[in-house]
Protein backbone atom coordinates (compact mmCIF):
# COMPACT_ATOMS: atom_id res chain seq x y z
CA UNK A 1 -7.38 13.60 -1.73
CA UNK A 2 -9.04 11.20 -4.11
CA UNK A 3 -12.34 9.53 -3.26
CA UNK A 4 -13.46 6.18 -4.59
CA UNK A 5 -9.99 4.76 -5.19
CA UNK A 6 -9.67 2.00 -7.80
CA UNK A 7 -7.18 0.26 -5.50
CA UNK A 8 -9.07 -2.76 -4.22
CA UNK A 9 -7.74 -2.74 -0.65
CA UNK A 10 -8.48 0.90 0.17
CA UNK A 11 -11.23 3.51 -0.23
CA UNK A 12 -9.41 6.81 -0.82
CA UNK A 13 -5.94 8.31 -1.27
CA UNK A 14 -4.17 11.26 0.38
CA UNK A 15 -0.97 12.70 -1.08
CA UNK A 16 0.77 15.32 1.09
CA UNK A 17 3.89 14.41 -0.93
CA UNK A 18 4.16 13.65 -4.64
CA UNK A 19 7.09 12.28 -6.57
CA UNK A 20 9.68 9.62 -5.86
CA UNK A 21 12.88 7.96 -7.13
CA UNK A 22 13.47 4.34 -8.07
CA UNK A 23 15.05 2.05 -5.48
CA UNK A 24 14.40 -1.53 -6.66
CA UNK A 25 13.09 -3.71 -9.47
CA UNK A 26 9.45 -3.07 -8.62
CA UNK A 27 9.88 0.61 -9.48
CA UNK A 28 10.79 0.06 -13.13
CA UNK A 29 7.29 0.58 -14.56
CA UNK A 30 5.96 2.85 -11.80
CA UNK A 31 2.28 3.67 -12.34
CA UNK A 32 2.57 6.83 -10.22
CA UNK A 33 5.34 8.17 -12.45
CA UNK A 34 3.21 7.61 -15.56
CA UNK A 35 0.28 9.33 -13.87
CA UNK A 36 2.40 12.30 -12.74
CA UNK A 37 3.66 12.87 -16.28
CA UNK A 38 0.08 12.77 -17.55
CA UNK A 39 -1.17 15.19 -14.87
CA UNK A 40 1.67 17.61 -15.59
CA UNK A 41 0.74 17.60 -19.30
CA UNK A 42 -2.86 18.35 -18.28
CA UNK A 43 -1.66 21.45 -16.39
CA UNK A 44 -2.25 20.15 -12.86
CA UNK A 45 -0.35 22.61 -10.66
CA UNK A 46 0.58 20.04 -8.01
CA UNK A 47 2.51 18.13 -10.67
CA UNK A 48 4.33 21.07 -12.24
CA UNK A 49 7.60 19.40 -11.18
CA UNK A 50 6.56 16.11 -12.73
CA UNK A 51 7.66 13.20 -10.58
CA UNK A 52 10.30 15.08 -8.57
CA UNK A 53 9.75 14.80 -4.82
CA UNK A 54 7.52 17.73 -3.81
CA UNK A 55 6.01 18.57 -0.43
CA UNK A 56 2.44 19.88 -0.31
CA UNK A 57 1.97 21.34 3.18
CA UNK A 58 -1.43 22.73 2.16
CA UNK A 59 -2.65 19.12 1.87
CA UNK A 60 -1.65 18.07 5.38
CA UNK A 61 -4.89 19.08 7.05
CA UNK A 62 -7.23 17.69 4.42
CA UNK A 63 -8.24 14.46 6.23
CA UNK A 64 -9.40 16.59 9.18
CA UNK A 65 -11.93 18.26 6.90
CA UNK A 66 -13.26 14.96 5.57
CA UNK A 67 -16.09 14.11 7.93
CA UNK A 68 -17.14 10.70 6.64
CA UNK A 69 -14.85 7.88 7.85
CA UNK A 70 -12.67 6.38 5.13
CA UNK A 71 -9.85 3.89 4.72
CA UNK A 72 -7.08 6.05 3.27
CA UNK A 73 -3.94 5.00 1.39
CA UNK A 74 -1.25 7.53 2.30
CA UNK A 75 0.96 8.73 -0.57
CA UNK A 76 -0.18 6.64 -3.49
CA UNK A 77 1.83 9.10 -5.64
CA UNK A 78 5.06 8.95 -3.66
CA UNK A 79 6.76 7.55 -0.55
CA UNK A 80 6.32 9.28 2.80
CA UNK A 81 9.66 7.88 4.00
CA UNK A 82 11.68 9.06 1.00
CA UNK A 83 15.08 10.37 2.10
CA UNK A 84 14.32 13.84 0.67
CA UNK A 85 11.34 14.35 3.01
CA UNK A 86 12.34 16.11 6.27
CA UNK A 87 11.40 14.32 9.47
CA UNK A 88 9.30 17.28 10.80
CA UNK A 89 7.05 16.95 7.73
CA UNK A 90 6.64 13.20 8.30
CA UNK A 91 5.93 13.83 11.98
CA UNK A 92 3.25 16.41 11.13
CA UNK A 93 1.58 13.95 8.75
CA UNK A 94 1.48 11.41 11.59
CA UNK A 95 0.02 14.01 13.95
CA UNK A 96 -2.79 14.67 11.46
CA UNK A 97 -3.48 10.94 11.12
CA UNK A 98 -3.69 10.64 14.88
CA UNK A 99 -6.04 13.63 15.11
CA UNK A 100 -8.25 12.18 12.35
CA UNK A 101 -9.07 9.16 14.51
CA UNK A 102 -12.27 8.38 12.58
CA UNK A 103 -10.24 7.38 9.50
CA UNK A 104 -7.97 4.36 9.03
CA UNK A 105 -4.65 5.25 7.34
CA UNK A 106 -2.53 2.80 5.36
CA UNK A 107 1.11 3.90 5.02
CA UNK A 108 3.17 1.91 2.49
CA UNK A 109 6.89 2.38 1.81
CA UNK A 110 9.87 0.84 0.06
CA UNK A 111 12.21 2.78 2.37
CA UNK A 112 11.98 0.20 5.15
CA UNK A 113 15.31 1.13 6.72
CA UNK A 114 14.25 4.74 7.22
CA UNK A 115 10.87 3.63 8.48
CA UNK A 116 12.58 1.43 11.05
CA UNK A 117 14.97 4.14 12.19
CA UNK A 118 12.25 6.79 12.58
CA UNK A 119 9.47 4.58 13.96
CA UNK A 120 10.38 5.14 17.63
CA UNK A 121 10.09 8.91 17.13
CA UNK A 122 6.52 8.68 15.81
CA UNK A 123 3.17 7.98 17.49
CA UNK A 124 1.33 4.87 16.30
CA UNK A 125 -2.35 5.06 17.27
CA UNK A 126 -4.44 2.05 16.17
CA UNK A 127 -5.85 3.85 13.11
CA UNK A 128 -2.39 3.99 11.45
CA UNK A 129 -1.32 0.83 9.64
CA UNK A 130 2.11 0.44 8.05
CA UNK A 131 3.41 -1.79 5.27
CA UNK A 132 6.42 -2.40 3.05
CA UNK A 133 6.62 -3.48 -0.57
CA UNK A 134 8.43 -6.77 -1.23
CA UNK A 135 8.42 -7.55 -4.94
CA UNK A 136 11.09 -10.30 -5.00
CA UNK A 137 13.53 -12.18 -2.80
CA UNK A 138 16.07 -9.33 -2.93
CA UNK A 139 13.67 -7.16 -0.88
CA UNK A 140 12.96 -9.66 1.91
CA UNK A 141 15.17 -7.69 4.32
CA UNK A 142 12.56 -4.94 4.38
CA UNK A 143 10.36 -7.16 6.51
CA UNK A 144 12.91 -7.10 9.37
CA UNK A 145 12.55 -3.32 9.57
CA UNK A 146 8.76 -3.52 9.32
CA UNK A 147 8.25 -5.85 12.28
CA UNK A 148 10.18 -3.43 14.53
CA UNK A 149 7.44 -0.82 14.08
CA UNK A 150 4.95 -0.63 17.00
CA UNK A 151 1.88 -0.42 14.74
CA UNK A 152 -1.36 -2.28 15.41
CA UNK A 153 -1.38 -3.61 11.83
CA UNK A 154 1.77 -4.34 9.81
CA UNK A 155 1.29 -5.52 6.24
CA UNK A 156 3.17 -6.62 3.13
CA UNK A 157 2.41 -5.47 -0.39
CA UNK A 158 3.84 -8.12 -2.71
CA UNK A 159 3.14 -6.06 -5.82
CA UNK A 160 4.27 -6.16 -8.49
CA UNK A 161 5.17 -9.75 -7.64
CA UNK A 162 8.24 -10.43 -9.79
CA UNK A 163 9.45 -13.77 -8.49
CA UNK A 164 8.83 -16.61 -6.05
CA UNK A 165 8.87 -15.96 -2.30
CA UNK A 166 8.94 -19.50 -0.89
CA UNK A 167 10.05 -18.63 2.66
CA UNK A 168 8.34 -15.43 3.74
CA UNK A 169 9.11 -14.46 7.36
CA UNK A 170 5.53 -13.81 8.47
CA UNK A 171 6.00 -13.59 12.24
CA UNK A 172 4.85 -10.13 13.25
CA UNK A 173 3.01 -9.56 9.95
CA UNK A 174 -0.78 -9.09 10.11
CA UNK A 175 -1.78 -8.93 6.43
CA UNK A 176 -0.41 -9.90 3.00
CA UNK A 177 -1.52 -8.34 -0.31
CA UNK A 178 -0.43 -9.88 -3.63
CA UNK A 179 -0.78 -8.42 -7.10
CA UNK A 180 0.65 -8.62 -10.59
CA UNK A 181 2.08 -5.70 -12.51
CA UNK A 182 -0.25 -3.75 -14.79
CA UNK A 183 0.39 -1.41 -17.69
CA UNK A 184 1.91 -1.55 -21.18
CA UNK A 185 5.22 -3.15 -20.08
CA UNK A 186 3.84 -5.44 -17.37
CA UNK A 187 6.12 -8.30 -16.37
CA UNK A 188 4.49 -11.73 -15.96
CA UNK A 189 3.48 -13.28 -12.65
CA UNK A 190 3.24 -17.07 -12.29
CA UNK A 191 0.25 -18.68 -10.54
CA UNK A 192 2.47 -20.99 -8.50
CA UNK A 193 4.16 -17.96 -6.88
CA UNK A 194 0.75 -16.74 -5.65
CA UNK A 195 -0.39 -20.14 -4.45
CA UNK A 196 2.81 -20.58 -2.46
CA UNK A 197 2.27 -17.25 -0.70
CA UNK A 198 -1.39 -18.03 -0.06
CA UNK A 199 -0.48 -21.38 1.47
CA UNK A 200 2.19 -19.80 3.67
CA UNK A 201 -0.41 -17.31 4.90
CA UNK A 202 -2.82 -20.14 5.67
CA UNK A 203 -0.15 -21.97 7.65
CA UNK A 204 0.65 -18.86 9.72
CA UNK A 205 -3.00 -17.70 9.96
CA UNK A 206 -2.20 -14.41 8.20
CA UNK A 207 -5.03 -12.82 6.15
CA UNK A 208 -4.38 -13.02 2.40
CA UNK A 209 -5.67 -10.52 -0.17
CA UNK A 210 -5.26 -11.19 -3.90
CA UNK A 211 -5.53 -7.83 -5.65
CA UNK A 212 -5.09 -8.58 -9.36
CA UNK A 213 -3.44 -10.67 -12.05
CA UNK A 214 -2.29 -7.49 -13.78
CA UNK A 215 -1.19 -7.31 -17.38
CA UNK A 216 -1.98 -4.77 -20.08
CA UNK A 217 -5.76 -5.19 -19.58
CA UNK A 218 -5.87 -5.82 -15.84
CA UNK A 219 -9.66 -5.47 -15.60
CA UNK A 220 -10.13 -8.25 -18.16
CA UNK A 221 -7.84 -10.64 -16.29
CA UNK A 222 -9.62 -9.99 -12.99
CA UNK A 223 -8.60 -11.24 -9.56
CA UNK A 224 -9.94 -14.78 -9.30
CA UNK A 225 -7.49 -17.36 -7.96
CA UNK A 226 -8.51 -21.04 -8.05
CA UNK A 227 -12.19 -20.13 -8.38
CA UNK A 228 -12.12 -17.76 -5.39
CA UNK A 229 -11.89 -14.04 -4.71
CA UNK A 230 -9.56 -13.58 -1.73
CA UNK A 231 -10.49 -10.49 0.29
CA UNK A 232 -9.19 -11.45 3.72
CA UNK A 233 -8.36 -8.57 6.07
CA UNK A 234 -6.71 -8.24 9.49
CA UNK A 235 -8.86 -9.05 12.53
CA UNK A 236 -8.10 -5.54 13.78
CA UNK A 237 -9.43 -4.03 10.56
CA UNK A 238 -10.97 -0.59 10.83
CA UNK A 239 -11.44 -0.36 14.63
CA UNK A 240 -12.51 3.27 14.37
CA UNK A 241 -15.30 2.99 11.80
CA UNK A 242 -18.14 0.90 10.51
CA UNK A 243 -17.78 0.24 6.79
CA UNK A 244 -20.95 0.37 4.73
CA UNK A 245 -19.76 -2.59 2.68
CA UNK A 246 -17.39 -5.11 4.23
CA UNK A 247 -16.07 -7.71 1.77
CA UNK A 248 -16.37 -11.37 2.62
CA UNK A 249 -13.03 -12.90 3.71
CA UNK A 250 -13.06 -14.97 0.53
CA UNK A 251 -15.85 -16.05 -1.75
CA UNK A 252 -16.22 -18.72 -4.37
CA UNK A 253 -17.05 -17.56 -7.88
CA UNK A 254 -20.03 -19.37 -9.39
CA UNK A 255 -19.62 -19.89 -13.10
């Protein structure tokens, strides 16, 4: 588990599985793959197989030993619904999340079809959120599988945003996160794509979170859109804990 995550919409990460395989355009410059290669070169034993899908059963119980409540991104270094992960392992991960009721878990996947097919076999207490990645119009179908899941909070990660999404089906979606690609081969993101998504969220009363512009130097480009920082969150956010710092829904940047 990693504390103090640099990911703006979470607080920590938990990786009972590492490794993945590419399924769509958003995977091309995968940050987790780059990180896994680096960690393997550093001699990290959990990455001895590089970015091949690897189960880490010894990590399953770790959130239960973490006393302070956290918002936890599940599998930042892989995909819990990857086809190579046996269902009993996924089910055990969900059991742990349910037992660790004082945390809020954010599960994100690109394998929306498998998520949809397995969702009725899993328990969905209110501290488990679920989302799918939709990086362009070719991935819109993932949202149909997402909204079938009986989770309290269902969210979209539109990152890396690679094209316009002018007609997002937002019924049944509780949160939208948008971000540009970062890293040495980052593909560009146009401001009008983001504004269109923001305006669709406003129309449907869906919280909108703008994570980053991205690029090679993502920290320099920041996350200001039209003079504002957009940190909106679901109304059901973090029902099981009191956050020490809760970001304002959106705030104007004074220059």
